[in-house]
N, C-alpha and C. Protein backbone atom coordinates (compact mmCIF):
# COMPACT_ATOMS: atom_id res chain seq x y z
N MET A 1 94.27 98.43 103.96
CA MET A 1 93.80 99.46 104.39
C MET A 1 93.30 100.65 103.33
N ILE A 2 92.13 101.03 103.06
CA ILE A 2 91.41 102.25 102.31
C ILE A 2 91.77 103.48 102.95
N GLN A 3 92.70 104.62 102.18
CA GLN A 3 92.54 105.65 102.66
C GLN A 3 91.36 106.32 102.00
N VAL A 4 90.72 107.13 102.82
CA VAL A 4 89.80 107.92 102.29
C VAL A 4 90.30 109.63 102.33
N THR A 5 89.72 110.46 101.42
CA THR A 5 90.16 111.82 101.23
C THR A 5 89.15 112.39 100.64
N ARG A 6 88.55 113.11 101.33
CA ARG A 6 87.25 113.96 101.10
C ARG A 6 87.62 115.24 100.66
N LYS A 7 86.71 115.77 99.75
CA LYS A 7 87.10 117.24 99.09
C LYS A 7 85.92 118.03 100.05
N ASP A 8 86.97 119.44 100.46
CA ASP A 8 86.39 120.20 100.86
C ASP A 8 85.87 121.01 99.77
N LYS A 9 84.87 122.33 100.30
CA LYS A 9 83.90 122.75 99.07
C LYS A 9 85.28 123.63 98.50
N ASN A 10 85.87 124.51 98.53
CA ASN A 10 86.70 125.40 97.87
C ASN A 10 88.25 124.86 97.76
N GLU A 11 88.38 123.74 97.93
CA GLU A 11 89.69 123.14 97.84
C GLU A 11 90.25 122.79 96.49
N ALA A 12 91.19 122.79 95.85
CA ALA A 12 92.02 122.81 94.84
C ALA A 12 92.42 120.96 94.46
N ASN A 13 92.18 120.56 93.62
CA ASN A 13 92.50 119.37 93.28
C ASN A 13 93.85 118.92 93.46
N GLU A 14 94.71 119.66 93.36
CA GLU A 14 96.17 119.28 93.70
C GLU A 14 96.46 119.29 95.15
N ASN A 15 95.77 120.06 95.79
CA ASN A 15 95.80 119.70 97.48
C ASN A 15 95.20 118.70 97.94
N ILE A 16 94.06 117.90 97.31
CA ILE A 16 93.49 116.89 97.61
C ILE A 16 94.52 115.57 97.33
N ILE A 17 95.50 115.92 96.07
CA ILE A 17 96.22 114.40 95.73
C ILE A 17 97.17 114.66 96.81
N ARG A 18 98.03 116.02 97.19
CA ARG A 18 98.64 115.87 98.20
C ARG A 18 98.30 115.51 99.48
N ARG A 19 97.27 115.70 99.99
CA ARG A 19 96.79 115.25 101.18
C ARG A 19 96.84 113.69 101.16
N PHE A 20 96.49 113.04 100.08
CA PHE A 20 96.19 111.51 99.83
C PHE A 20 97.46 111.15 100.07
N ASN A 21 98.24 111.68 98.85
CA ASN A 21 99.64 111.19 99.14
C ASN A 21 100.49 111.08 100.58
N ARG A 22 100.16 112.07 101.31
CA ARG A 22 100.93 112.22 102.82
C ARG A 22 100.53 111.02 103.23
N ARG A 23 99.13 111.17 103.40
CA ARG A 23 98.51 110.01 104.10
C ARG A 23 98.67 108.41 103.88
N VAL A 24 98.93 108.11 102.22
CA VAL A 24 99.48 107.01 102.15
C VAL A 24 100.90 106.62 102.76
N LEU A 25 101.79 107.49 102.45
CA LEU A 25 103.24 107.67 102.83
C LEU A 25 103.16 107.28 104.36
N GLN A 26 102.26 108.16 105.23
CA GLN A 26 102.57 107.90 106.85
C GLN A 26 101.94 106.58 107.04
N SER A 27 100.98 105.92 106.28
CA SER A 27 100.15 104.79 106.75
C SER A 27 101.31 103.77 106.79
N GLY A 28 102.03 103.70 105.71
CA GLY A 28 103.06 102.71 105.36
C GLY A 28 102.64 101.85 104.55
N VAL A 29 101.46 101.80 103.95
CA VAL A 29 100.96 100.85 102.97
C VAL A 29 102.00 100.54 101.98
N LEU A 30 102.22 101.64 101.16
CA LEU A 30 103.21 101.39 100.25
C LEU A 30 104.62 100.87 100.39
N ALA A 31 105.15 101.23 101.56
CA ALA A 31 106.20 100.87 101.88
C ALA A 31 106.22 98.91 102.09
N ASN A 32 105.03 98.42 102.57
CA ASN A 32 104.82 97.37 102.98
C ASN A 32 104.82 96.58 101.50
N ALA A 33 104.13 96.89 100.73
CA ALA A 33 104.00 96.38 99.29
C ALA A 33 105.43 96.13 98.60
N LYS A 34 105.82 97.44 98.65
CA LYS A 34 107.23 97.34 98.04
C LYS A 34 108.27 96.21 98.60
N ALA A 35 108.05 96.04 99.94
CA ALA A 35 108.99 95.29 100.80
C ALA A 35 108.50 93.78 100.16
N SER A 36 107.33 93.38 99.95
CA SER A 36 106.58 92.04 99.73
C SER A 36 106.86 91.93 98.48
N MET A 37 107.41 92.85 97.56
CA MET A 37 107.45 92.43 96.41
C MET A 37 108.90 92.07 95.93
N ARG A 38 109.95 92.31 96.94
CA ARG A 38 111.17 92.41 96.90
C ARG A 38 111.48 90.70 97.94
N PHE A 39 110.74 90.43 98.51
CA PHE A 39 110.99 89.17 99.37
C PHE A 39 111.34 87.92 98.82
N SER A 40 112.21 87.55 99.10
CA SER A 40 112.75 86.00 98.61
C SER A 40 113.19 85.12 99.74
N LYS A 41 112.98 83.88 99.44
CA LYS A 41 113.38 82.73 100.32
C LYS A 41 114.61 82.83 100.41
N ASP A 42 115.30 82.51 101.73
CA ASP A 42 116.70 82.14 102.18
C ASP A 42 116.96 80.74 101.23
N ILE A 43 118.12 80.86 100.90
CA ILE A 43 118.85 79.72 99.96
C ILE A 43 119.71 79.01 100.82
N SER A 44 120.08 77.79 100.39
CA SER A 44 120.95 76.90 101.67
C SER A 44 122.18 77.18 101.02
N LYS A 45 123.25 76.95 102.00
CA LYS A 45 124.52 77.29 101.90
C LYS A 45 125.30 76.64 100.94
N THR A 46 124.75 75.22 100.69
CA THR A 46 125.44 74.75 99.36
C THR A 46 124.98 75.56 98.21
N GLU A 47 123.66 75.58 98.04
CA GLU A 47 122.93 76.50 97.19
C GLU A 47 123.97 77.94 96.56
N ARG A 48 124.10 78.73 97.68
CA ARG A 48 124.91 80.00 97.67
C ARG A 48 126.20 79.55 97.10
N ARG A 49 126.98 78.50 97.61
CA ARG A 49 128.18 78.29 97.17
C ARG A 49 128.41 78.04 95.83
N ALA A 50 127.56 77.27 95.23
CA ALA A 50 127.45 76.60 94.03
C ALA A 50 127.24 77.78 92.86
N LYS A 51 126.41 78.80 93.14
CA LYS A 51 125.71 79.80 92.82
C LYS A 51 127.26 80.76 92.39
N ALA A 52 128.24 80.79 93.71
CA ALA A 52 129.05 81.81 93.58
C ALA A 52 130.34 80.96 92.61
N ILE A 53 130.44 80.05 92.68
CA ILE A 53 131.31 79.25 91.90
C ILE A 53 131.12 79.46 90.36
N ILE A 54 129.55 79.21 90.05
CA ILE A 54 129.41 79.56 88.71
C ILE A 54 129.65 80.88 88.27
N ARG A 55 129.56 81.83 89.33
CA ARG A 55 129.72 83.26 88.88
C ARG A 55 131.18 83.35 88.76
N LYS A 56 131.99 82.88 89.62
CA LYS A 56 133.12 83.02 89.36
C LYS A 56 134.07 82.42 88.03
N GLU A 57 133.26 81.34 87.47
CA GLU A 57 133.81 80.75 86.22
C GLU A 57 133.50 81.59 85.19
N ARG A 58 132.48 82.12 85.01
CA ARG A 58 131.73 82.87 84.23
C ARG A 58 132.41 84.37 83.88
N LYS A 59 132.99 84.64 85.33
CA LYS A 59 133.83 86.17 85.07
C LYS A 59 135.11 85.92 84.66
N ASN A 60 136.03 84.48 84.98
CA ASN A 60 137.06 84.23 84.48
C ASN A 60 137.03 83.69 82.94
N GLU A 61 136.08 83.19 82.54
CA GLU A 61 136.07 83.12 81.13
C GLU A 61 135.57 84.15 80.28
N LYS A 62 134.85 85.21 80.97
CA LYS A 62 134.93 86.58 80.19
C LYS A 62 135.94 87.33 80.26
N LEU A 63 136.92 87.26 80.99
CA LEU A 63 138.23 87.74 81.52
C LEU A 63 139.46 87.14 80.41
N ALA A 64 139.17 85.95 80.17
CA ALA A 64 140.00 85.26 79.43
C ALA A 64 139.96 85.57 77.91
N LYS A 65 138.32 85.79 77.67
CA LYS A 65 138.16 86.01 76.02
C LYS A 65 138.44 87.75 75.95
N ALA A 66 138.61 88.58 77.02
CA ALA A 66 138.74 90.01 76.68
C ALA A 66 140.18 89.86 76.50
N ARG A 67 141.02 88.95 77.04
CA ARG A 67 142.42 88.94 77.21
C ARG A 67 143.21 88.65 75.77
N LEU A 68 142.20 87.78 75.37
CA LEU A 68 142.29 87.24 73.65
C LEU A 68 141.93 88.08 72.81
N GLY A 69 141.50 89.22 72.96
CA GLY A 69 140.37 90.10 72.03
C GLY A 69 139.21 89.58 71.53
N LEU A 70 138.62 88.60 71.95
CA LEU A 70 137.17 87.97 71.81
C LEU A 70 136.44 88.67 72.41
N ARG A 71 135.15 88.60 72.11
CA ARG A 71 133.90 88.93 72.62
C ARG A 71 133.03 88.08 73.54
């Protein structure tokens, strides 16, 4: 969807920009674009569990190194 905003004779540029921004927000075009950027496919339960196990192992390794005074 293209938002068209025409300038009146004695209208300031700031007012045009404000009107344009308001129309874009009300149309929902920007929200749809942002939502599609964040979309990701669902992963299976086994993949989720495997990733959780890896995260847990990394966290435990980090804590163990911190206890020993290593980085």
